[in-house]
Protein backbone atom coordinates (compact mmCIF):
# COMPACT_ATOMS: atom_id res chain seq x y z
CA MET A 1 174.75 30.07 81.87
CA ASP A 2 173.07 31.54 85.12
CA THR A 3 170.02 33.57 83.93
CA ILE A 4 171.33 36.87 85.69
CA ASP A 5 174.69 36.20 83.28
CA MET A 6 171.72 36.94 80.62
CA LEU A 7 171.08 40.60 81.89
CA PRO A 8 172.52 43.66 80.64
CA GLU A 9 174.98 44.82 82.82
CA VAL A 10 173.74 48.38 82.78
CA PRO A 11 170.15 49.17 83.44
CA SER A 12 168.48 51.09 80.86
CA SER A 13 165.09 51.91 79.68
CA PHE A 14 163.85 50.75 76.21
CA TRP A 15 161.78 54.17 76.36
CA ILE A 16 164.14 56.19 76.85
CA ASP A 17 166.54 54.52 74.30
CA SER A 18 164.07 54.34 71.74
CA THR A 19 163.94 58.17 71.74
CA PRO A 20 165.57 61.30 71.41
CA GLY A 21 167.22 63.23 74.24
CA THR A 22 165.87 66.63 75.27
CA ASP A 23 167.67 69.89 75.84
CA TYR A 24 165.63 72.25 76.95
CA PRO A 25 167.33 75.51 78.89
CA ALA A 26 167.93 75.95 82.75
CA LEU A 27 166.00 78.49 84.11
CA ASP A 28 168.14 81.66 84.11
CA ARG A 29 165.85 84.67 85.80
CA ASP A 30 162.77 85.23 87.28
CA ILE A 31 159.82 84.98 85.58
CA GLY A 32 155.91 85.19 85.73
CA VAL A 33 153.38 83.08 84.29
CA ASP A 34 149.81 82.10 85.00
CA ILE A 35 150.75 78.76 86.23
CA ALA A 36 153.85 76.31 87.28
CA ILE A 37 153.84 72.87 87.20
CA ILE A 38 156.60 71.16 89.00
CA GLY A 39 157.75 68.02 87.47
CA GLY A 40 157.77 67.01 83.97
CA GLY A 41 156.61 63.22 83.99
CA ILE A 42 153.44 62.46 82.26
CA ALA A 43 151.05 64.16 84.70
CA GLY A 44 152.99 67.32 84.59
CA ILE A 45 153.52 67.53 80.75
CA THR A 46 149.68 66.79 80.09
CA THR A 47 148.98 69.16 82.43
CA VAL A 48 151.13 71.69 80.63
CA TYR A 49 149.82 70.41 77.54
CA LEU A 50 145.94 71.48 78.46
CA LEU A 51 146.54 74.22 80.34
CA LYS A 52 148.26 75.85 77.52
CA GLN A 53 145.78 74.62 74.88
CA ALA A 54 142.83 76.80 77.55
CA GLY A 55 145.29 79.78 76.95
CA GLY A 56 146.67 80.20 80.03
CA SER A 57 150.86 81.08 80.08
CA VAL A 58 152.39 77.77 82.05
CA ALA A 59 156.24 76.65 82.82
CA VAL A 60 157.30 73.35 83.66
CA LEU A 61 160.34 72.73 85.72
CA ASP A 62 162.26 69.66 85.97
CA ALA A 63 165.47 68.91 88.28
CA ASP A 64 166.46 66.62 85.43
CA ARG A 65 165.62 66.11 81.95
CA ILE A 66 161.72 65.78 81.67
CA LEU A 67 160.33 62.29 81.18
CA GLN A 68 163.80 60.50 82.54
CA GLY A 69 162.04 59.42 85.78
CA THR A 70 159.19 57.27 86.86
CA THR A 71 157.47 58.05 83.74
CA ALA A 72 160.26 56.74 81.19
CA HIS A 73 160.39 53.10 83.37
CA THR A 74 156.81 52.03 83.08
CA THR A 75 155.61 49.47 81.02
CA SER A 76 153.23 51.55 79.28
CA LYS A 77 150.27 49.73 79.50
CA LEU A 78 146.88 52.13 79.22
CA THR A 79 144.29 50.73 80.79
CA ALA A 80 141.38 51.16 83.10
CA GLN A 81 142.07 47.57 84.46
CA HIS A 82 143.90 47.99 87.54
CA ALA A 83 143.95 44.33 88.66
CA ILE A 84 141.48 44.48 91.54
CA ILE A 85 140.24 47.59 91.79
CA TYR A 86 136.72 48.73 91.42
CA SER A 87 135.36 46.16 94.25
CA LYS A 88 137.94 47.87 96.47
CA ILE A 89 136.21 51.38 95.87
CA LYS A 90 133.34 50.40 95.87
CA LYS A 91 133.76 48.68 99.40
CA GLN A 92 135.56 51.62 100.91
CA MET A 93 133.80 54.44 99.44
CA SER A 94 130.95 54.20 97.00
CA ALA A 95 129.33 52.76 93.88
CA GLU A 96 129.39 56.26 93.11
CA LEU A 97 132.99 56.84 93.54
CA ALA A 98 133.80 53.62 91.53
CA GLN A 99 132.45 55.16 88.71
CA GLN A 100 134.10 58.42 88.78
CA TYR A 101 137.47 56.17 88.81
CA ALA A 102 136.54 54.15 85.97
CA ASP A 103 135.19 57.02 83.84
CA ALA A 104 138.13 59.25 84.53
CA ASN A 105 140.64 56.43 83.76
CA MET A 106 138.66 55.27 79.88
CA TYR A 107 138.51 58.98 79.55
CA ALA A 108 142.21 58.85 79.70
CA LEU A 109 142.60 56.62 77.07
CA ASP A 110 140.70 58.22 75.17
CA LEU A 111 142.16 61.22 75.01
CA VAL A 112 145.49 60.17 73.95
CA GLU A 113 144.13 58.20 70.95
CA GLN A 114 142.46 61.66 70.45
CA ILE A 115 145.52 63.60 70.47
CA SER A 116 147.42 61.09 68.76
CA LYS A 117 145.39 61.36 65.58
CA GLU A 118 145.19 65.16 65.86
CA LYS A 119 148.69 65.86 65.98
CA LYS A 120 149.43 62.98 64.00
CA ILE A 121 151.62 61.41 66.63
CA ASP A 122 153.37 58.06 65.90
CA CYS A 123 153.50 56.61 69.60
CA ASP A 124 152.72 53.02 68.78
CA PHE A 125 149.07 53.67 70.17
CA THR A 126 147.32 50.31 70.04
CA ARG A 127 143.58 49.17 71.18
CA LEU A 128 143.57 45.70 72.74
CA PRO A 129 142.39 43.60 75.75
CA ALA A 130 143.61 43.50 79.36
CA TYR A 131 143.86 40.46 81.16
CA THR A 132 144.05 39.98 85.01
CA PHE A 133 145.00 36.09 86.10
CA THR A 134 145.08 34.13 88.64
CA GLN A 135 147.00 31.10 89.58
CA SER A 136 145.60 30.85 92.95
CA ASP A 137 142.62 29.52 94.53
CA GLN A 138 142.40 32.59 96.75
CA TYR A 139 141.67 34.96 93.93
CA VAL A 140 138.68 33.22 92.19
CA LYS A 141 136.07 35.40 93.78
CA GLN A 142 137.94 38.28 94.30
CA ILE A 143 137.99 38.26 89.91
CA GLU A 144 134.18 37.41 89.55
CA GLU A 145 133.11 39.86 92.01
CA GLU A 146 135.68 42.51 90.01
CA VAL A 147 134.14 41.26 86.73
CA GLU A 148 130.12 42.08 87.86
CA ILE A 149 130.88 45.24 89.43
CA ALA A 150 133.21 46.31 86.28
CA ARG A 151 129.80 45.57 84.40
CA LEU A 152 127.72 47.73 86.31
CA LEU A 153 130.02 50.44 85.72
CA GLY A 154 129.83 50.09 82.20
CA LEU A 155 133.16 48.48 81.16
CA LYS A 156 133.42 45.69 78.79
CA ALA A 157 134.62 42.88 81.11
CA SER A 158 134.05 39.45 81.05
CA PHE A 159 135.17 36.17 83.06
CA GLN A 160 137.72 33.95 81.24
CA GLN A 161 138.88 30.41 82.53
CA ASP A 162 141.81 30.47 80.37
CA ILE A 163 144.32 33.30 78.83
CA PRO A 164 146.43 33.14 75.41
CA LEU A 165 149.28 32.51 77.32
CA PRO A 166 151.41 29.33 77.81
CA PHE A 167 150.42 28.34 81.09
CA PRO A 168 147.17 27.47 82.96
CA VAL A 169 145.69 29.58 85.05
CA LYS A 170 142.46 29.18 87.49
CA ALA A 171 140.64 32.43 86.60
CA ALA A 172 141.27 35.69 84.78
CA MET A 173 139.15 38.81 83.68
CA ARG A 174 139.34 40.21 80.58
CA PHE A 175 138.66 44.25 80.02
CA ASP A 176 137.97 44.99 76.10
CA ASN A 177 138.73 48.07 74.48
CA GLN A 178 142.19 49.17 76.48
CA ALA A 179 145.18 50.25 75.05
CA GLN A 180 148.93 50.37 74.84
CA PHE A 181 151.27 52.86 73.68
CA HIS A 182 155.10 54.27 73.69
CA CYS A 183 155.03 57.00 76.59
CA LEU A 184 157.92 58.83 75.69
CA LYS A 185 157.40 59.21 72.22
CA PHE A 186 154.08 60.39 72.76
CA LEU A 187 154.37 62.81 75.45
CA LYS A 188 158.01 64.17 74.24
CA GLU A 189 155.46 65.45 71.32
CA LEU A 190 153.45 67.14 73.50
CA ALA A 191 156.28 68.86 75.25
CA ARG A 192 157.60 70.20 71.44
CA HIS A 193 154.32 72.26 71.59
CA ILE A 194 154.34 73.73 75.05
CA PRO A 195 157.79 76.51 74.57
CA SER A 196 156.06 79.73 73.03
CA ARG A 197 153.85 82.24 73.91
CA ASP A 198 155.08 83.01 76.95
CA SER A 199 155.18 79.00 78.08
CA TYR A 200 158.46 77.52 79.13
CA ILE A 201 160.07 74.17 80.18
CA PHE A 202 163.01 74.22 82.12
CA GLU A 203 165.27 71.21 82.83
CA ASN A 204 167.72 70.99 85.51
CA THR A 205 165.97 73.36 87.74
CA LYS A 206 165.30 72.12 90.89
CA ALA A 207 162.40 73.32 92.88
CA ILE A 208 163.43 73.61 96.68
CA ASN A 209 160.16 75.59 98.53
CA ILE A 210 157.20 77.16 97.90
CA GLU A 211 156.60 80.76 99.22
CA GLU A 212 152.74 80.98 99.79
CA GLY A 213 151.15 84.55 99.34
CA SER A 214 149.82 86.38 96.01
CA PRO A 215 151.18 85.56 93.42
CA LEU A 216 152.78 82.03 94.85
CA THR A 217 156.19 81.57 94.54
CA VAL A 218 158.45 78.58 93.47
CA VAL A 219 161.95 79.08 94.94
CA THR A 220 164.72 76.79 93.06
CA GLU A 221 168.18 75.87 94.19
CA THR A 222 170.30 78.35 92.30
CA GLY A 223 167.86 81.29 93.85
CA LYS A 224 165.95 82.15 90.66
CA LYS A 225 161.89 82.44 91.55
CA VAL A 226 158.66 81.69 89.45
CA ARG A 227 156.02 83.65 90.22
CA ALA A 228 152.55 82.41 89.48
CA SER A 229 148.82 82.38 90.55
CA HIS A 230 148.19 78.28 90.43
CA ILE A 231 151.18 75.90 91.16
CA VAL A 232 150.91 72.22 90.29
CA ILE A 233 153.09 70.06 92.25
CA ALA A 234 153.56 66.75 90.27
CA THR A 235 157.00 65.76 91.12
CA HIS A 236 156.16 61.95 92.21
CA PHE A 237 156.09 62.37 95.73
CA PRO A 238 155.82 65.92 96.67
CA PHE A 239 158.84 67.87 97.33
CA PHE A 240 156.31 70.03 99.01
CA ASP A 241 154.20 68.55 101.89
CA GLY A 242 152.28 72.10 103.15
CA GLY A 243 150.75 70.37 105.90
CA GLY A 244 149.46 67.47 104.07
CA PHE A 245 151.21 64.81 105.95
CA TYR A 246 151.92 62.73 102.46
CA PHE A 247 154.85 60.90 103.84
CA SER A 248 152.47 59.21 106.45
CA ARG A 249 149.81 58.66 103.80
CA MET A 250 152.02 56.81 101.26
CA TYR A 251 154.59 54.11 100.65
CA LEU A 252 156.76 53.55 97.57
CA GLU A 253 157.33 50.63 96.02
CA ARG A 254 160.33 48.99 93.55
CA SER A 255 159.24 46.74 91.11
CA TYR A 256 161.78 45.43 87.94
CA VAL A 257 161.01 44.98 83.84
CA VAL A 258 163.37 42.87 81.46
CA ALA A 259 162.90 43.24 77.91
CA ALA A 260 163.81 40.46 76.05
CA THR A 261 163.06 38.62 72.15
CA ILE A 262 161.35 35.53 72.40
CA ALA A 263 160.76 32.83 69.60
CA GLU A 264 157.04 32.45 70.07
CA GLU A 265 154.61 35.01 68.74
CA PHE A 266 153.26 37.26 71.62
CA PRO A 267 149.43 37.55 71.70
CA GLU A 268 147.92 41.00 70.99
CA ALA A 269 147.17 41.85 74.48
CA HIS A 270 148.83 42.66 78.05
CA PHE A 271 148.62 40.92 81.10
CA ILE A 272 149.21 41.03 84.82
CA SER A 273 148.56 38.70 87.77
CA ALA A 274 146.41 39.39 90.60
CA GLU A 275 148.92 37.58 93.15
CA ASP A 276 152.37 38.44 94.80
CA PRO A 277 155.25 38.27 93.59
CA GLY A 278 153.41 39.56 90.46
CA ARG A 279 153.67 38.88 87.00
CA SER A 280 153.22 41.64 83.93
CA LEU A 281 153.68 40.96 80.50
CA ARG A 282 153.30 43.01 77.17
CA TYR A 283 154.70 43.31 74.03
CA THR A 284 156.07 46.63 72.02
CA SER A 285 157.46 46.82 68.72
CA SER A 286 161.66 47.78 68.41
CA GLN A 287 164.56 48.10 66.08
CA TYR A 288 164.67 44.37 67.41
CA GLY A 289 161.49 42.89 66.54
CA PRO A 290 158.87 42.51 68.60
CA LEU A 291 160.13 42.78 72.55
CA VAL A 292 158.12 41.37 75.28
CA LEU A 293 158.51 42.89 78.71
CA PHE A 294 158.11 40.63 81.93
CA GLY A 295 157.85 42.74 84.38
CA GLY A 296 156.50 42.42 88.20
CA GLU A 297 158.74 41.50 91.73
CA HIS A 298 157.49 44.58 93.74
CA HIS A 299 158.70 45.43 97.42
CA LYS A 300 158.92 48.22 99.57
CA THR A 301 161.92 50.66 98.38
CA GLY A 302 164.95 50.06 100.34
CA HIS A 303 163.67 46.76 102.20
CA GLY A 304 165.17 44.48 100.01
CA THR A 305 167.90 42.73 100.56
CA ASP A 306 169.83 41.15 97.29
CA THR A 307 167.72 43.44 94.43
CA ASN A 308 169.54 41.10 91.55
CA LYS A 309 167.25 38.78 92.53
CA HIS A 310 164.20 40.31 91.46
CA TYR A 311 165.52 40.18 87.73
CA LYS A 312 166.50 36.44 87.99
CA ASN A 313 163.02 35.69 89.02
CA LEU A 314 161.52 37.45 86.15
CA MET A 315 164.08 35.86 83.61
CA ASP A 316 163.50 32.32 85.55
CA PHE A 317 159.84 33.02 84.70
CA ALA A 318 160.46 33.84 81.06
CA ASN A 319 162.45 31.18 80.36
CA GLN A 320 160.39 28.81 81.84
CA HIS A 321 157.66 29.78 79.53
CA PHE A 322 159.01 31.02 76.70
CA HIS A 323 162.31 30.34 74.26
CA VAL A 324 164.22 33.79 75.39
CA LYS A 325 166.33 34.63 72.58
CA LYS A 326 168.15 37.81 73.90
CA ILE A 327 167.42 40.22 76.55
CA TYR A 328 167.69 43.84 75.53
CA TYR A 329 167.07 45.65 78.59
CA ARG A 330 166.60 45.97 82.29
CA TRP A 331 165.15 48.42 84.75
CA SER A 332 163.49 49.44 87.81
CA THR A 333 160.93 51.59 88.52
CA HIS A 334 159.80 53.62 91.88
CA ASP A 335 155.68 53.88 92.59
CA CYS A 336 153.89 55.81 95.30
CA VAL A 337 151.01 54.10 96.71
CA THR A 338 148.21 55.12 98.75
CA ILE A 339 146.99 53.67 101.57
CA ASP A 340 143.77 52.95 100.13
CA GLY A 341 145.02 52.61 96.53
CA VAL A 342 143.32 55.33 94.39
CA PRO A 343 146.19 58.79 93.71
CA TYR A 344 145.60 61.95 95.51
CA VAL A 345 144.90 64.58 92.94
CA GLY A 346 143.85 68.17 93.56
CA ASN A 347 144.15 70.51 95.94
CA LEU A 348 147.08 69.68 98.20
CA THR A 349 145.52 70.83 101.46
CA SER A 350 142.15 72.41 102.04
CA ARG A 351 144.17 75.32 103.28
CA SER A 352 146.13 75.64 100.04
CA PRO A 353 143.53 76.45 97.18
CA ASN A 354 145.57 77.22 94.73
CA ILE A 355 148.28 74.88 95.19
CA TYR A 356 147.76 71.19 93.39
CA VAL A 357 148.89 67.52 93.36
CA ALA A 358 149.01 64.56 91.48
CA THR A 359 150.80 61.84 93.15
CA GLY A 360 149.94 58.10 94.54
CA PHE A 361 149.51 56.20 91.08
CA GLY A 362 150.31 53.18 91.86
CA LYS A 363 151.18 51.09 89.21
CA TRP A 364 148.70 52.70 86.93
CA GLY A 365 150.18 55.98 86.27
CA MET A 366 149.81 56.06 82.73
CA SER A 367 146.03 56.52 82.93
CA ASN A 368 145.56 58.00 85.99
CA GLY A 369 148.35 60.57 85.41
CA ILE A 370 146.29 61.50 81.89
CA ALA A 371 143.31 61.49 84.45
CA ALA A 372 145.01 63.92 86.66
CA ALA A 373 146.01 65.97 84.48
CA LYS A 374 142.26 66.64 83.28
CA ILE A 375 141.05 66.72 86.85
CA ILE A 376 144.26 69.72 87.38
CA SER A 377 143.31 71.57 84.32
CA ASP A 378 139.63 71.76 84.89
CA LEU A 379 139.95 72.52 88.47
CA ILE A 380 142.16 75.81 87.58
CA ALA A 381 140.15 76.62 84.46
CA THR A 382 136.67 76.32 86.01
CA GLY A 383 137.00 74.79 90.08
CA ASP A 384 135.08 71.61 88.93
CA ASN A 385 135.65 68.31 87.74
CA PRO A 386 133.38 65.19 87.20
CA TRP A 387 135.69 62.79 88.95
CA ALA A 388 137.50 64.78 91.52
CA GLN A 389 136.12 63.67 94.53
CA VAL A 390 137.28 59.88 94.46
CA TYR A 391 140.87 61.59 93.95
CA ASN A 392 140.35 64.07 96.70
CA PRO A 393 143.66 64.63 98.16
CA SER A 394 141.94 65.31 101.90
CA ARG A 395 139.63 62.34 101.76
CA PHE A 396 139.26 60.42 105.45
CA ILE A 397 139.86 56.95 105.92
CA THR A 398 137.00 55.55 106.26
CA SER A 399 137.31 51.65 105.90
CA GLY A 400 139.23 48.99 108.30
CA SER A 401 141.27 48.06 105.46
CA ALA A 402 142.66 51.27 104.66
CA LEU A 403 143.07 52.11 108.33
CA LYS A 404 145.06 49.06 108.59
CA THR A 405 147.56 49.77 106.12
CA PHE A 406 147.76 53.51 107.24
CA ILE A 407 148.68 51.94 110.75
CA GLY A 408 150.79 49.11 109.22
CA THR A 409 153.05 51.39 107.11
CA ASN A 410 153.75 54.02 109.90
CA LEU A 411 154.24 51.28 112.37
CA SER A 412 156.84 50.05 109.44
CA VAL A 413 158.63 53.29 109.06
CA ALA A 414 159.44 53.50 112.91
CA GLU A 415 160.70 50.35 112.94
CA LYS A 416 163.04 50.85 110.06
CA TYR A 417 163.51 54.48 111.10
CA ILE A 418 164.87 52.89 115.32
CA THR A 419 166.50 49.76 113.84
CA GLY A 420 168.72 51.76 111.54
CA LYS A 421 169.93 53.91 114.39
CA LEU A 422 170.84 50.67 116.16
CA GLU A 423 172.81 48.84 113.55
CA ARG A 424 176.55 49.48 113.48
CA GLY A 425 178.62 49.21 110.43
CA GLU A 426 181.11 47.00 109.72
CA LYS A 427 184.25 47.52 111.21
CA ASP A 428 187.81 47.28 108.97
CA ALA A 429 185.25 45.87 106.21
CA ASP A 430 186.68 45.01 102.97
CA VAL A 431 184.59 47.02 100.86
CA LYS A 432 184.11 45.25 97.13
CA GLU A 433 180.88 46.17 96.89
CA GLY A 434 178.37 48.72 98.89
CA LYS A 435 178.23 48.29 102.54
CA VAL A 436 177.53 50.55 105.43
CA ILE A 437 180.95 50.61 107.53
CA ASP A 438 182.08 51.48 110.99
CA VAL A 439 184.35 54.98 110.78
CA GLU A 440 185.30 55.86 114.26
CA GLY A 441 182.05 55.28 115.55
CA GLN A 442 179.83 56.47 112.42
CA ARG A 443 177.42 54.78 110.10
CA ILE A 444 179.40 55.58 106.68
CA GLY A 445 178.05 53.73 103.16
CA ALA A 446 181.16 52.48 101.21
CA TYR A 447 181.16 51.50 97.35
CA ARG A 448 184.09 50.75 95.46
CA ASP A 449 183.45 51.27 91.79
CA ALA A 450 184.78 49.29 88.60
CA GLU A 451 188.02 51.44 88.83
CA GLY A 452 188.63 50.88 92.31
CA VAL A 453 187.65 54.18 93.44
CA LEU A 454 185.92 54.33 97.10
CA HIS A 455 182.92 56.34 97.43
CA MET A 456 181.74 56.83 100.95
CA VAL A 457 178.58 58.69 102.28
CA ASP A 458 176.80 59.53 105.32
CA THR A 459 173.64 56.99 105.44
CA THR A 460 171.21 58.95 107.11
CA CYS A 461 168.60 59.89 104.84
CA THR A 462 168.53 64.03 104.32
CA HIS A 463 164.60 63.73 104.18
CA LEU A 464 163.22 62.79 107.56
CA GLY A 465 166.79 61.04 108.94
CA CYS A 466 166.02 57.17 108.25
CA GLU A 467 169.14 55.15 107.88
CA LEU A 468 169.58 53.96 104.04
CA THR A 469 170.23 50.69 102.51
CA TRP A 470 172.47 49.70 99.80
CA ASN A 471 170.21 48.41 96.17
CA ASP A 472 172.69 46.23 94.79
CA ALA A 473 171.21 46.17 91.31
CA GLU A 474 171.20 49.77 90.84
CA LYS A 475 173.87 50.62 92.67
CA SER A 476 172.11 53.37 94.80
CA TRP A 477 171.55 53.93 98.42
CA ASP A 478 167.73 53.54 99.67
CA CYS A 479 165.59 54.86 102.35
CA PRO A 480 163.35 52.09 103.38
CA CYS A 481 161.27 54.97 105.54
CA HIS A 482 159.73 56.98 102.43
CA GLY A 483 161.51 56.02 99.24
CA SER A 484 163.77 58.74 99.04
CA ARG A 485 167.28 57.30 96.66
CA PHE A 486 170.60 58.26 96.19
CA THR A 487 173.47 57.73 94.05
CA TYR A 488 176.62 55.96 95.50
CA GLU A 489 178.45 59.81 95.35
CA GLY A 490 175.46 61.16 97.62
CA GLU A 491 173.47 62.77 94.41
CA ILE A 492 169.52 62.43 94.58
CA ILE A 493 167.88 60.28 92.30
CA GLU A 494 164.40 60.32 93.80
CA GLY A 495 162.72 62.05 96.23
CA PRO A 496 160.65 63.05 98.81
CA ALA A 497 164.56 63.82 99.98
CA ILE A 498 165.56 67.71 98.64
CA ASN A 499 169.13 67.57 99.37
CA LYS A 500 171.67 65.67 98.67
CA LEU A 501 174.18 63.19 101.00
CA GLN A 502 176.85 64.33 102.67
CA HIS A 503 180.02 63.13 101.00
CA VAL A 504 182.65 61.43 103.21
CA LYS A 505 186.04 61.70 102.05
CA ALA A 506 188.41 58.66 102.32
CA GLY A 507 192.01 59.17 104.08
CA PRO A 508 195.35 57.68 103.29
CA ASN A 509 194.84 54.38 104.03
CA GLU A 510 191.00 54.42 103.83
CA VAL A 511 190.26 54.35 107.30
CA GLU A 512 190.46 57.92 108.39
CA ALA A 513 187.55 60.18 107.27
CA ARG A 514 185.95 63.25 107.79
CA ILE A 515 182.70 64.78 106.52
CA PHE A 516 182.46 67.59 104.30
CA SER A 517 179.52 69.41 102.18
């Protein structure tokens, strides 16, 4: 049997499947609160929780159900070991800012443990070591340097020549006293404590604009408004830019996970490779017994061709090193990556003192999301936080490598924009899967579902006009420029786009078409 045939037919997240759903109301009236948080992921929910503990009235607005986006599609590692990061921050910024980053992420681990104990939250929180390994000579010296710097920052780091996995490595670094948990068990319990005493969670409430003034006003898709003294944008990619040009300072990546039971006993640790295409491994308890999560295979959103191959590559890797019994889940995730690898957390822009942002967590949203919540809650409550400088969204590009990434990212966006406009669709295409077709000179995205129904959309992204590409693994239209994603019916899966695609209705012969909104 081909490994791709072993995969579940429909992608689904273990974290979502193993926790009850939520059912908070939609906003049905204008309200006023001290702080409005837009986005119900790990950063948004934890920020709301901390601010409410401090005594403020808060409201969180989510366009869908809370904790269903990127947070629910993570590997849920909770660690300050972010592959090779501390040597990079020291070179690009300073040793002082590398210390801030280490302290912020270790605080996040301790905070989750503390809250879990205080609230008696059964979220499978476990302390264990984290490994970054390499099978390439190229990364050995980098790992040695990373260990040395991590030790100077007070992290319990050591250099290793092997790891407790069934394949050889050239080198590895081990961080002790790291952690993993079930992110949704933890966060859904935090969310349960939020509604009451003039504080709210609103689901299916899409924010589309912010009106600046005193107070600030969040405008929703239905016209209902939330007025607040402070607003936090924690929507993964900021839906409101405010002149910060975040679309030019971040790029978006997809990566993939398959979750399987194996015949072997998996070690009490989690692992990630230093080199591409990336291999991440961890275990979690489940109703099926211990599940091993095999992750990796990252690429820029909208830049993949046959996206199913990434699942196949992960399964080939798993079968090569373990006796895989059964695959229960597969999913992919969507990460915002900043040009210097450090998230943007703090004031949206220098001109917006009461609007805050938390974005660009890369592959490390668990610890960074918790740290971001602490930073923003401190900035709102006291105006200061000891780690705010390293995360400052207004920081300048000072290193050559970050500047090179900035230029390369934006040249890539320009290239995709131009080539997308020049490419034409197939004429007289027999649509059996997602593809771009030509309908009377117009570029149309077409997909025929399992029932034989043809779905057709305008493939121009509603964010900044790039042309979308088909993602076969997720059955979605993805933007190669800034990472927006849409269903085959044109509904938004992930932003920064805030408007859905124009739907195209097929005529009697499925070759005539007209656009309607």
